[in-house]
N, C-alpha and C. Protein backbone atom coordinates (compact mmCIF):
# COMPACT_ATOMS: atom_id res chain seq x y z
N UNK A 1 40.67 15.75 -13.63
CA UNK A 1 39.65 14.71 -13.65
C UNK A 1 38.91 14.77 -14.99
N UNK A 2 38.65 13.63 -15.55
CA UNK A 2 37.96 13.51 -16.83
C UNK A 2 36.49 13.86 -16.66
N UNK A 3 35.96 14.71 -17.52
CA UNK A 3 34.55 15.08 -17.46
C UNK A 3 33.71 13.93 -18.00
N UNK A 4 32.68 13.58 -17.26
CA UNK A 4 31.81 12.49 -17.70
C UNK A 4 30.78 12.98 -18.70
N UNK A 5 30.24 14.18 -18.47
CA UNK A 5 29.20 14.74 -19.35
C UNK A 5 29.77 15.98 -20.04
N UNK A 6 30.03 15.84 -21.33
CA UNK A 6 30.60 16.94 -22.10
C UNK A 6 29.46 17.63 -22.85
N UNK A 7 29.37 18.94 -22.66
CA UNK A 7 28.29 19.73 -23.25
C UNK A 7 28.74 20.19 -24.64
N UNK A 8 27.99 19.76 -25.66
CA UNK A 8 28.22 20.22 -27.03
C UNK A 8 26.88 20.75 -27.54
N UNK A 9 26.75 22.06 -27.54
CA UNK A 9 25.48 22.69 -27.93
C UNK A 9 25.40 22.88 -29.43
N UNK A 10 24.21 22.65 -29.97
CA UNK A 10 23.97 22.96 -31.37
C UNK A 10 23.67 24.45 -31.48
N UNK A 11 23.67 24.97 -32.70
CA UNK A 11 23.37 26.39 -32.90
C UNK A 11 21.98 26.74 -32.39
N UNK A 12 21.03 25.84 -32.60
CA UNK A 12 19.65 26.07 -32.16
C UNK A 12 19.57 26.12 -30.63
N UNK A 13 20.27 25.20 -29.95
CA UNK A 13 20.27 25.18 -28.48
C UNK A 13 20.94 26.44 -27.94
N UNK A 14 22.04 26.84 -28.59
CA UNK A 14 22.74 28.04 -28.16
C UNK A 14 21.84 29.26 -28.26
N UNK A 15 21.08 29.36 -29.36
CA UNK A 15 20.15 30.49 -29.54
C UNK A 15 19.04 30.46 -28.50
N UNK A 16 18.56 29.27 -28.18
CA UNK A 16 17.52 29.13 -27.14
C UNK A 16 18.04 29.64 -25.81
N UNK A 17 19.26 29.24 -25.45
CA UNK A 17 19.85 29.66 -24.17
C UNK A 17 20.12 31.16 -24.15
N UNK A 18 20.60 31.70 -25.25
CA UNK A 18 20.84 33.15 -25.31
C UNK A 18 19.53 33.93 -25.24
N UNK A 19 18.48 33.38 -25.85
CA UNK A 19 17.16 34.01 -25.79
C UNK A 19 16.63 34.08 -24.37
N UNK A 20 16.86 33.02 -23.61
CA UNK A 20 16.43 33.01 -22.21
C UNK A 20 17.19 34.07 -21.43
N UNK A 21 18.48 34.21 -21.71
CA UNK A 21 19.28 35.20 -20.99
C UNK A 21 18.90 36.63 -21.37
N UNK A 22 18.70 36.89 -22.67
CA UNK A 22 18.38 38.25 -23.12
C UNK A 22 17.04 38.73 -22.61
N UNK A 23 16.04 37.88 -22.74
CA UNK A 23 14.68 38.29 -22.36
C UNK A 23 14.43 38.12 -20.87
N UNK A 24 15.37 37.49 -20.19
CA UNK A 24 15.17 37.13 -18.78
C UNK A 24 13.83 36.40 -18.63
N UNK A 25 13.60 35.54 -19.59
CA UNK A 25 12.36 34.79 -19.63
C UNK A 25 12.48 33.60 -18.68
N UNK A 26 11.53 33.44 -17.78
CA UNK A 26 11.57 32.35 -16.83
C UNK A 26 12.11 32.81 -15.49
N UNK A 27 12.39 31.87 -14.65
CA UNK A 27 12.87 32.20 -13.31
C UNK A 27 14.36 32.53 -13.35
N UNK A 28 14.85 33.06 -12.26
CA UNK A 28 16.28 33.39 -12.19
C UNK A 28 17.12 32.12 -12.26
N UNK A 29 16.58 31.02 -11.77
CA UNK A 29 17.28 29.74 -11.86
C UNK A 29 17.48 29.32 -13.31
N UNK A 30 16.46 29.53 -14.12
CA UNK A 30 16.56 29.16 -15.53
C UNK A 30 17.61 30.00 -16.24
N UNK A 31 17.66 31.29 -15.94
CA UNK A 31 18.66 32.18 -16.54
C UNK A 31 20.05 31.73 -16.11
N UNK A 32 20.19 31.40 -14.85
CA UNK A 32 21.48 30.95 -14.32
C UNK A 32 21.93 29.64 -14.97
N UNK A 33 20.99 28.71 -15.13
CA UNK A 33 21.33 27.44 -15.79
C UNK A 33 21.73 27.67 -17.23
N UNK A 34 21.04 28.58 -17.91
CA UNK A 34 21.38 28.89 -19.30
C UNK A 34 22.80 29.45 -19.37
N UNK A 35 23.14 30.32 -18.45
CA UNK A 35 24.49 30.88 -18.43
C UNK A 35 25.53 29.79 -18.18
N UNK A 36 25.23 28.89 -17.24
CA UNK A 36 26.15 27.79 -16.94
C UNK A 36 26.39 26.92 -18.16
N UNK A 37 25.30 26.59 -18.85
CA UNK A 37 25.43 25.72 -20.02
C UNK A 37 26.21 26.39 -21.14
N UNK A 38 26.01 27.67 -21.33
CA UNK A 38 26.77 28.38 -22.36
C UNK A 38 28.26 28.42 -22.04
N UNK A 39 28.59 28.58 -20.76
CA UNK A 39 30.00 28.61 -20.36
C UNK A 39 30.63 27.21 -20.42
N UNK A 40 29.81 26.17 -20.27
CA UNK A 40 30.32 24.80 -20.28
C UNK A 40 30.43 24.21 -21.68
N UNK A 41 29.95 24.93 -22.69
CA UNK A 41 29.94 24.43 -24.06
C UNK A 41 31.36 24.14 -24.55
N UNK A 42 31.57 22.91 -25.01
CA UNK A 42 32.89 22.49 -25.48
C UNK A 42 33.28 23.23 -26.77
N UNK A 43 32.29 23.64 -27.55
CA UNK A 43 32.56 24.38 -28.79
C UNK A 43 32.64 25.88 -28.55
N UNK A 44 32.51 26.30 -27.31
CA UNK A 44 32.53 27.72 -26.95
C UNK A 44 33.61 27.97 -25.91
N UNK A 45 33.25 28.64 -24.81
CA UNK A 45 34.23 28.99 -23.78
C UNK A 45 34.88 27.77 -23.12
N UNK A 46 34.13 26.68 -22.94
CA UNK A 46 34.65 25.43 -22.36
C UNK A 46 35.28 25.66 -20.98
N UNK A 47 34.55 26.34 -20.10
CA UNK A 47 35.03 26.58 -18.75
C UNK A 47 35.01 25.28 -17.96
N UNK A 48 35.85 25.20 -16.96
CA UNK A 48 35.85 24.03 -16.07
C UNK A 48 34.70 24.18 -15.08
N UNK A 49 34.36 23.06 -14.46
CA UNK A 49 33.26 23.09 -13.47
C UNK A 49 33.60 24.01 -12.31
N UNK A 50 34.86 23.99 -11.88
CA UNK A 50 35.28 24.83 -10.76
C UNK A 50 35.14 26.30 -11.10
N UNK A 51 35.54 26.67 -12.31
CA UNK A 51 35.47 28.07 -12.72
C UNK A 51 34.00 28.52 -12.85
N UNK A 52 33.15 27.65 -13.37
CA UNK A 52 31.72 27.98 -13.49
C UNK A 52 31.10 28.11 -12.10
N UNK A 53 31.45 27.20 -11.20
CA UNK A 53 30.91 27.23 -9.84
C UNK A 53 31.31 28.52 -9.12
N UNK A 54 32.54 28.95 -9.30
CA UNK A 54 32.99 30.21 -8.68
C UNK A 54 32.28 31.41 -9.30
N UNK A 55 32.08 31.38 -10.61
CA UNK A 55 31.45 32.51 -11.29
C UNK A 55 29.97 32.66 -10.90
N UNK A 56 29.30 31.56 -10.67
CA UNK A 56 27.86 31.61 -10.38
C UNK A 56 27.53 31.30 -8.92
N UNK A 57 28.52 31.28 -8.07
CA UNK A 57 28.33 31.09 -6.64
C UNK A 57 27.51 29.84 -6.34
N UNK A 58 27.97 28.73 -6.84
CA UNK A 58 27.29 27.46 -6.56
C UNK A 58 28.34 26.37 -6.37
N UNK A 59 27.88 25.18 -6.12
CA UNK A 59 28.80 24.05 -5.94
C UNK A 59 29.13 23.44 -7.30
N UNK A 60 30.23 22.75 -7.35
CA UNK A 60 30.61 22.08 -8.60
C UNK A 60 29.62 20.95 -8.90
N UNK A 61 29.02 20.37 -7.88
CA UNK A 61 28.02 19.32 -8.08
C UNK A 61 26.79 19.87 -8.81
N UNK A 62 26.42 21.11 -8.51
CA UNK A 62 25.30 21.75 -9.19
C UNK A 62 25.59 21.88 -10.68
N UNK A 63 26.80 22.31 -11.00
CA UNK A 63 27.19 22.44 -12.41
C UNK A 63 27.17 21.06 -13.07
N UNK A 64 27.68 20.06 -12.37
CA UNK A 64 27.69 18.69 -12.90
C UNK A 64 26.27 18.19 -13.14
N UNK A 65 25.36 18.49 -12.22
CA UNK A 65 23.96 18.06 -12.38
C UNK A 65 23.31 18.71 -13.60
N UNK A 66 23.58 20.00 -13.82
CA UNK A 66 23.01 20.71 -14.98
C UNK A 66 23.56 20.11 -16.26
N UNK A 67 24.86 19.85 -16.29
CA UNK A 67 25.48 19.22 -17.46
C UNK A 67 24.86 17.85 -17.74
N UNK A 68 24.75 17.06 -16.68
CA UNK A 68 24.20 15.71 -16.83
C UNK A 68 22.78 15.76 -17.38
N UNK A 69 21.96 16.67 -16.85
CA UNK A 69 20.59 16.79 -17.31
C UNK A 69 20.52 17.18 -18.79
N UNK A 70 21.41 18.07 -19.21
CA UNK A 70 21.44 18.48 -20.61
C UNK A 70 21.79 17.30 -21.51
N UNK A 71 22.83 16.56 -21.13
CA UNK A 71 23.30 15.45 -21.97
C UNK A 71 22.30 14.31 -21.99
N UNK A 72 21.68 14.01 -20.86
CA UNK A 72 20.81 12.83 -20.79
C UNK A 72 19.38 13.10 -21.25
N UNK A 73 18.81 14.27 -20.93
CA UNK A 73 17.39 14.48 -21.24
C UNK A 73 17.10 15.68 -22.13
N UNK A 74 18.03 16.58 -22.33
CA UNK A 74 17.80 17.67 -23.27
C UNK A 74 17.79 19.05 -22.63
N UNK A 75 17.74 20.06 -23.50
CA UNK A 75 17.86 21.45 -23.08
C UNK A 75 16.67 21.90 -22.23
N UNK A 76 15.46 21.59 -22.69
CA UNK A 76 14.27 22.08 -21.98
C UNK A 76 14.23 21.62 -20.54
N UNK A 77 14.47 20.35 -20.31
CA UNK A 77 14.43 19.83 -18.94
C UNK A 77 15.63 20.32 -18.15
N UNK A 78 16.78 20.49 -18.80
CA UNK A 78 17.95 21.03 -18.11
C UNK A 78 17.69 22.46 -17.64
N UNK A 79 16.97 23.23 -18.45
CA UNK A 79 16.65 24.62 -18.07
C UNK A 79 15.61 24.69 -16.98
N UNK A 80 14.54 23.95 -17.16
CA UNK A 80 13.41 24.06 -16.23
C UNK A 80 13.59 23.20 -14.99
N UNK A 81 14.50 22.26 -15.03
CA UNK A 81 14.77 21.43 -13.86
C UNK A 81 13.63 20.50 -13.50
N UNK A 82 12.79 20.19 -14.47
CA UNK A 82 11.65 19.33 -14.18
C UNK A 82 12.10 17.88 -14.11
N UNK A 83 11.55 17.19 -13.17
CA UNK A 83 11.82 15.77 -13.04
C UNK A 83 10.57 15.03 -13.47
N UNK A 84 10.72 13.83 -13.96
CA UNK A 84 9.53 13.07 -14.32
C UNK A 84 8.64 12.86 -13.10
N UNK A 85 7.38 13.21 -13.24
CA UNK A 85 6.44 13.11 -12.14
C UNK A 85 5.95 11.67 -11.98
N UNK A 86 5.92 11.22 -10.74
CA UNK A 86 5.32 9.92 -10.48
C UNK A 86 3.83 10.14 -10.29
N UNK A 87 3.01 9.25 -10.83
CA UNK A 87 1.57 9.45 -10.68
C UNK A 87 1.16 9.34 -9.21
N UNK A 88 0.19 10.14 -8.78
CA UNK A 88 -0.24 10.07 -7.39
C UNK A 88 -0.95 8.76 -7.11
N UNK A 89 -0.89 8.35 -5.85
CA UNK A 89 -1.56 7.11 -5.46
C UNK A 89 -3.07 7.30 -5.53
N UNK A 90 -3.79 6.31 -6.01
CA UNK A 90 -5.25 6.44 -6.02
C UNK A 90 -5.79 6.45 -4.58
N UNK A 91 -6.91 7.13 -4.39
CA UNK A 91 -7.50 7.20 -3.06
C UNK A 91 -8.01 5.82 -2.64
N UNK A 92 -7.79 5.48 -1.39
CA UNK A 92 -8.24 4.19 -0.87
C UNK A 92 -9.75 4.19 -0.63
N UNK A 93 -10.26 5.33 -0.18
CA UNK A 93 -11.68 5.41 0.16
C UNK A 93 -12.37 6.41 -0.76
N UNK A 94 -13.48 5.99 -1.33
CA UNK A 94 -14.27 6.95 -2.11
C UNK A 94 -15.27 7.61 -1.16
N UNK A 95 -16.11 8.48 -1.67
CA UNK A 95 -17.03 9.23 -0.83
C UNK A 95 -18.01 8.36 -0.06
N UNK A 96 -18.52 7.33 -0.71
CA UNK A 96 -19.48 6.44 -0.05
C UNK A 96 -18.82 5.66 1.08
N UNK A 97 -17.61 5.19 0.84
CA UNK A 97 -16.89 4.45 1.88
C UNK A 97 -16.53 5.36 3.05
N UNK A 98 -16.14 6.61 2.75
CA UNK A 98 -15.85 7.56 3.82
C UNK A 98 -17.08 7.79 4.67
N UNK A 99 -18.24 7.91 4.04
CA UNK A 99 -19.49 8.11 4.79
C UNK A 99 -19.77 6.92 5.70
N UNK A 100 -19.49 5.72 5.22
CA UNK A 100 -19.70 4.53 6.05
C UNK A 100 -18.74 4.52 7.24
N UNK A 101 -17.50 4.94 7.01
CA UNK A 101 -16.51 4.99 8.09
C UNK A 101 -16.92 6.03 9.13
N UNK A 102 -17.40 7.19 8.66
CA UNK A 102 -17.83 8.24 9.59
C UNK A 102 -19.02 7.74 10.42
N UNK A 103 -19.97 7.09 9.76
CA UNK A 103 -21.13 6.56 10.48
C UNK A 103 -20.70 5.52 11.50
N UNK A 104 -19.73 4.69 11.14
CA UNK A 104 -19.22 3.68 12.07
C UNK A 104 -18.55 4.34 13.27
N UNK A 105 -17.76 5.38 13.01
CA UNK A 105 -17.06 6.07 14.08
C UNK A 105 -18.01 6.79 15.03
N UNK A 106 -19.11 7.32 14.50
CA UNK A 106 -20.06 8.04 15.36
C UNK A 106 -20.91 7.08 16.19
N UNK A 107 -20.93 5.81 15.79
CA UNK A 107 -21.67 4.82 16.56
C UNK A 107 -20.88 4.40 17.79
N UNK A 108 -21.47 3.46 18.52
CA UNK A 108 -20.81 2.97 19.72
C UNK A 108 -19.66 2.05 19.34
N UNK A 109 -18.56 2.12 20.09
CA UNK A 109 -17.44 1.22 19.82
C UNK A 109 -17.82 -0.21 20.23
N UNK A 110 -17.09 -1.21 19.77
CA UNK A 110 -17.40 -2.59 20.14
C UNK A 110 -17.34 -2.79 21.65
N UNK A 111 -17.97 -3.85 22.09
CA UNK A 111 -18.02 -4.14 23.52
C UNK A 111 -16.60 -4.36 24.04
N UNK A 112 -16.31 -3.77 25.16
CA UNK A 112 -14.99 -3.88 25.76
C UNK A 112 -14.09 -2.70 25.44
N UNK A 113 -14.55 -1.78 24.61
CA UNK A 113 -13.76 -0.60 24.25
C UNK A 113 -14.54 0.65 24.64
N UNK A 114 -13.84 1.64 25.19
CA UNK A 114 -14.48 2.88 25.62
C UNK A 114 -14.69 3.84 24.45
N UNK A 115 -13.78 3.83 23.49
CA UNK A 115 -13.87 4.75 22.35
C UNK A 115 -13.18 4.11 21.15
N UNK A 116 -13.36 4.75 20.00
CA UNK A 116 -12.75 4.26 18.77
C UNK A 116 -11.31 4.74 18.68
N UNK A 117 -10.39 3.83 18.51
CA UNK A 117 -9.02 4.21 18.14
C UNK A 117 -8.91 4.03 16.63
N UNK A 118 -7.89 4.61 16.05
CA UNK A 118 -7.73 4.48 14.59
C UNK A 118 -7.47 3.04 14.19
N UNK A 119 -6.70 2.33 14.98
CA UNK A 119 -6.40 0.92 14.66
C UNK A 119 -7.66 0.06 14.79
N UNK A 120 -8.45 0.32 15.82
CA UNK A 120 -9.70 -0.42 15.99
C UNK A 120 -10.65 -0.12 14.84
N UNK A 121 -10.72 1.14 14.46
CA UNK A 121 -11.58 1.54 13.36
C UNK A 121 -11.14 0.87 12.06
N UNK A 122 -9.82 0.81 11.83
CA UNK A 122 -9.29 0.16 10.63
C UNK A 122 -9.65 -1.32 10.60
N UNK A 123 -9.54 -1.98 11.75
CA UNK A 123 -9.90 -3.41 11.83
C UNK A 123 -11.38 -3.61 11.51
N UNK A 124 -12.23 -2.75 12.09
CA UNK A 124 -13.67 -2.89 11.87
C UNK A 124 -14.07 -2.60 10.43
N UNK A 125 -13.41 -1.64 9.80
CA UNK A 125 -13.71 -1.30 8.41
C UNK A 125 -13.41 -2.49 7.50
N UNK A 126 -12.30 -3.18 7.77
CA UNK A 126 -11.95 -4.37 6.98
C UNK A 126 -12.89 -5.52 7.31
N UNK A 127 -13.21 -5.67 8.59
CA UNK A 127 -14.09 -6.76 9.04
C UNK A 127 -15.50 -6.63 8.44
N UNK A 128 -15.97 -5.39 8.34
CA UNK A 128 -17.31 -5.16 7.77
C UNK A 128 -17.29 -5.10 6.24
N UNK A 129 -16.12 -5.33 5.64
CA UNK A 129 -15.94 -5.39 4.19
C UNK A 129 -16.31 -4.06 3.50
N UNK A 130 -16.03 -2.96 4.17
CA UNK A 130 -16.20 -1.66 3.53
C UNK A 130 -15.10 -1.50 2.48
N UNK A 131 -13.88 -1.89 2.84
CA UNK A 131 -12.75 -1.97 1.90
C UNK A 131 -11.99 -3.26 2.18
N UNK A 132 -11.16 -3.67 1.20
CA UNK A 132 -10.38 -4.90 1.38
C UNK A 132 -9.30 -4.72 2.44
N UNK A 133 -8.49 -3.68 2.29
CA UNK A 133 -7.45 -3.38 3.26
C UNK A 133 -7.38 -1.87 3.44
N UNK A 134 -7.06 -1.46 4.66
CA UNK A 134 -6.86 -0.04 4.95
C UNK A 134 -5.99 0.05 6.19
N UNK A 135 -5.09 1.03 6.21
CA UNK A 135 -4.25 1.20 7.38
C UNK A 135 -4.83 2.29 8.28
N UNK A 136 -4.41 2.27 9.51
CA UNK A 136 -4.88 3.30 10.44
C UNK A 136 -4.39 4.67 9.98
N UNK A 137 -3.24 4.72 9.30
CA UNK A 137 -2.69 5.98 8.83
C UNK A 137 -3.58 6.59 7.75
N UNK A 138 -4.14 5.76 6.88
CA UNK A 138 -5.06 6.24 5.85
C UNK A 138 -6.29 6.85 6.51
N UNK A 139 -6.78 6.20 7.54
CA UNK A 139 -7.95 6.72 8.25
C UNK A 139 -7.60 8.02 8.99
N UNK A 140 -6.37 8.12 9.48
CA UNK A 140 -5.97 9.35 10.16
C UNK A 140 -5.96 10.52 9.18
N UNK A 141 -5.40 10.28 7.98
CA UNK A 141 -5.36 11.35 6.99
C UNK A 141 -6.77 11.72 6.53
N UNK A 142 -7.61 10.73 6.40
CA UNK A 142 -8.99 10.99 6.00
C UNK A 142 -9.72 11.68 7.14
N UNK A 143 -9.42 11.31 8.36
CA UNK A 143 -10.06 11.87 9.55
C UNK A 143 -9.82 13.37 9.66
N UNK A 144 -8.65 13.83 9.20
CA UNK A 144 -8.34 15.25 9.27
C UNK A 144 -9.30 16.06 8.42
N UNK A 145 -9.91 15.43 7.41
CA UNK A 145 -10.84 16.13 6.52
C UNK A 145 -12.25 16.16 7.09
N UNK A 146 -12.54 15.28 8.03
CA UNK A 146 -13.90 15.21 8.57
C UNK A 146 -14.15 16.40 9.49
N UNK A 147 -15.31 17.00 9.39
CA UNK A 147 -15.61 18.09 10.32
C UNK A 147 -15.96 17.54 11.71
N UNK A 148 -15.52 18.24 12.76
CA UNK A 148 -15.82 17.82 14.12
C UNK A 148 -17.25 18.18 14.52
N UNK A 149 -17.94 18.95 13.69
CA UNK A 149 -19.30 19.35 14.03
C UNK A 149 -20.24 18.14 14.05
N UNK A 150 -19.91 17.10 13.29
CA UNK A 150 -20.77 15.91 13.27
C UNK A 150 -20.83 15.30 14.66
N UNK A 151 -19.69 15.20 15.33
CA UNK A 151 -19.67 14.62 16.67
C UNK A 151 -20.38 15.55 17.65
N UNK A 152 -20.16 16.85 17.54
CA UNK A 152 -20.80 17.80 18.45
C UNK A 152 -22.32 17.77 18.28
N UNK A 153 -22.77 17.60 17.02
CA UNK A 153 -24.21 17.57 16.78
C UNK A 153 -24.83 16.34 17.42
N UNK A 154 -24.13 15.23 17.40
CA UNK A 154 -24.67 14.00 17.99
C UNK A 154 -24.58 14.07 19.51
N UNK A 155 -23.42 14.46 20.03
CA UNK A 155 -23.22 14.46 21.47
C UNK A 155 -23.76 15.72 22.13
N UNK A 156 -23.48 16.88 21.53
CA UNK A 156 -23.93 18.14 22.09
C UNK A 156 -23.26 18.45 23.41
N UNK A 157 -23.62 19.57 24.00
CA UNK A 157 -23.12 19.92 25.32
C UNK A 157 -24.24 19.64 26.32
N UNK A 158 -23.88 19.19 27.49
CA UNK A 158 -24.91 18.92 28.50
C UNK A 158 -25.70 20.19 28.80
N UNK A 159 -27.01 20.06 28.96
CA UNK A 159 -27.81 21.26 29.22
C UNK A 159 -27.42 21.92 30.53
N UNK A 160 -27.39 23.24 30.52
CA UNK A 160 -27.08 24.00 31.74
C UNK A 160 -25.62 23.92 32.14
N UNK A 161 -24.76 23.43 31.24
CA UNK A 161 -23.35 23.30 31.62
C UNK A 161 -22.71 24.68 31.68
N UNK A 162 -21.80 24.82 32.59
CA UNK A 162 -21.10 26.08 32.74
C UNK A 162 -19.60 25.79 32.68
N UNK A 163 -18.88 26.75 32.19
CA UNK A 163 -17.43 26.60 32.15
C UNK A 163 -16.83 27.52 33.19
N UNK A 164 -15.80 27.07 33.82
CA UNK A 164 -15.15 27.87 34.86
C UNK A 164 -13.81 28.38 34.35
N UNK A 165 -13.45 29.57 34.78
CA UNK A 165 -12.16 30.14 34.42
C UNK A 165 -11.41 30.47 35.70
N UNK A 166 -10.11 30.45 35.63
CA UNK A 166 -9.28 30.77 36.78
C UNK A 166 -8.46 32.01 36.48
N UNK A 167 -8.17 32.75 37.54
CA UNK A 167 -7.29 33.90 37.41
C UNK A 167 -5.85 33.42 37.38
N UNK A 168 -4.93 34.34 37.18
CA UNK A 168 -3.52 33.98 37.08
C UNK A 168 -3.04 33.29 38.36
N UNK A 169 -3.47 33.79 39.52
CA UNK A 169 -3.00 33.22 40.77
C UNK A 169 -3.75 31.94 41.15
N UNK A 170 -4.71 31.52 40.34
CA UNK A 170 -5.37 30.24 40.56
C UNK A 170 -6.75 30.33 41.16
N UNK A 171 -7.14 31.50 41.69
CA UNK A 171 -8.47 31.62 42.27
C UNK A 171 -9.50 31.72 41.17
N UNK A 172 -10.69 31.23 41.44
CA UNK A 172 -11.73 31.23 40.41
C UNK A 172 -12.33 32.61 40.21
N UNK A 173 -12.66 32.87 38.95
CA UNK A 173 -13.33 34.12 38.60
C UNK A 173 -14.81 33.96 38.87
N UNK A 174 -15.33 32.79 38.61
CA UNK A 174 -16.75 32.56 38.76
C UNK A 174 -17.26 31.83 37.53
N UNK A 175 -18.55 31.66 37.44
CA UNK A 175 -19.13 30.94 36.31
C UNK A 175 -19.16 31.86 35.08
N UNK A 176 -18.78 31.30 33.96
CA UNK A 176 -18.81 32.02 32.71
C UNK A 176 -19.65 31.20 31.75
N UNK A 177 -20.61 31.80 31.17
CA UNK A 177 -21.50 31.09 30.23
C UNK A 177 -20.74 30.69 28.96
N UNK A 178 -21.22 29.67 28.29
CA UNK A 178 -20.56 29.16 27.09
C UNK A 178 -20.52 30.22 25.98
N UNK A 179 -21.49 31.14 26.00
CA UNK A 179 -21.55 32.15 24.97
C UNK A 179 -20.38 33.14 25.08
N UNK A 180 -19.86 33.32 26.28
CA UNK A 180 -18.76 34.25 26.47
C UNK A 180 -17.50 33.61 26.02
């Protein structure tokens, strides 16, 4: 089969790869990739992908990927295996908007609803023009960051409440105070 990506290393690239191998600088993956590239060099040993894969206990596709990365983007990225990073999505809600959503959630739900669901909360947030658009999933992810103490502080525990515990066979142990 015809090789699509032929590795032709310059003297400078060869020295860089040998330096990585000698000093064992970087991760073991980087050392391994350097060894693969040196063996794949058309001006050097010119090993086949199958022979390189057997020597380094990997798949031939791995060798092909390392070759491709070297030819298309260069030695540094081929060694480090870095991919171009996509920028993270900007946050939908800033701190002030989050505070408004929390305040809305701690309030009473609209008439006809017993409690706030994430979808209902998302609809109300858009309706009240806190944000232009927001999904219930965004609110769920944001909700995971909210402390539950806010709800406990507002609702609290009923005065004089007691918790009951059961034994293994199902009979009651008796009243156990919340402090226990």
